Amino acid sequence: MLQFTDLNHEKHCINFALLNNVVFREKDDCSVVSFHMQGHHVVPVSVDRVTAERLHKELGEME
């Protein structure tokens, strides 16, 4: 489970087993991370750059 808090102070738990793809993009003063899941579901979240870097690192360790 990947756990983090977005810029709206909402807590997220993403199940690794359901992920197909993750897209990171920079937007103005934040990062948008889009989690593409099974069944054509997409969960886009806005996070600060530090959180985006942590998520990228943790996802990279899954390989």
Protein backbone atom coordinates (compact mmCIF):
# COMPACT_ATOMS: atom_id res chain seq x y z
CA MET A 1 0.00 0.00 0.00
CA LEU A 2 1.26 3.43 -0.94
CA GLN A 3 0.12 6.06 1.60
CA PHE A 4 0.37 9.83 1.25
CA THR A 5 -1.50 13.10 1.83
CA ASP A 6 -2.42 15.44 -1.04
CA LEU A 7 -2.45 19.25 -1.10
CA ASN A 8 -6.05 19.27 0.18
CA HIS A 9 -4.92 17.32 3.25
CA GLU A 10 -6.79 14.22 2.08
CA LYS A 11 -5.15 10.90 2.88
CA HIS A 12 -4.76 8.33 0.10
CA CYS A 13 -3.93 4.62 0.18
CA ILE A 14 -3.12 3.15 -3.23
CA ASN A 15 -3.01 -0.63 -3.64
CA PHE A 16 0.12 -1.57 -5.63
CA ALA A 17 -1.57 -4.69 -7.00
CA LEU A 18 -4.17 -2.61 -8.87
CA LEU A 19 -1.74 -0.21 -10.60
CA ASN A 20 -1.17 -0.36 -14.35
CA ASN A 21 0.68 2.93 -14.84
CA VAL A 22 1.64 6.08 -12.93
CA VAL A 23 2.20 9.46 -14.61
CA PHE A 24 4.10 12.32 -12.94
CA ARG A 25 3.80 15.86 -14.29
CA GLU A 26 4.69 19.30 -13.02
CA LYS A 27 1.97 21.94 -12.92
CA ASP A 28 2.73 25.47 -11.73
CA ASP A 29 3.78 25.16 -8.07
CA CYS A 30 2.80 21.51 -7.52
CA SER A 31 3.06 18.04 -9.02
CA VAL A 32 0.15 16.01 -10.36
CA VAL A 33 0.45 12.26 -9.99
CA SER A 34 -2.08 10.17 -11.95
CA PHE A 35 -2.56 6.59 -10.84
CA HIS A 36 -3.99 4.45 -13.66
CA MET A 37 -5.73 1.38 -12.26
CA GLN A 38 -7.35 -1.76 -13.58
CA GLY A 39 -10.77 -1.22 -15.15
CA HIS A 40 -9.92 2.16 -16.72
CA HIS A 41 -9.95 4.01 -13.38
CA VAL A 42 -7.64 7.01 -12.96
CA VAL A 43 -6.91 8.77 -9.67
CA PRO A 44 -5.18 12.13 -10.27
CA VAL A 45 -3.83 13.85 -7.15
CA SER A 46 -1.99 17.12 -6.58
CA VAL A 47 0.95 16.89 -4.22
CA ASP A 48 3.96 19.00 -3.32
CA ARG A 49 7.23 18.25 -5.08
CA VAL A 50 8.76 16.54 -2.04
CA THR A 51 5.85 14.09 -1.85
CA ALA A 52 6.04 13.48 -5.62
CA GLU A 53 9.73 12.63 -5.33
CA ARG A 54 9.03 10.25 -2.44
CA LEU A 55 6.24 8.52 -4.39
CA HIS A 56 8.49 8.21 -7.44
CA LYS A 57 11.22 6.65 -5.32
CA GLU A 58 8.87 4.21 -3.57
CA LEU A 59 7.30 3.15 -6.88
CA GLY A 60 10.76 2.68 -8.39
CA GLU A 61 11.66 0.30 -5.59
CA MET A 62 8.74 -1.93 -6.60
CA GLU A 63 10.49 -3.02 -9.81
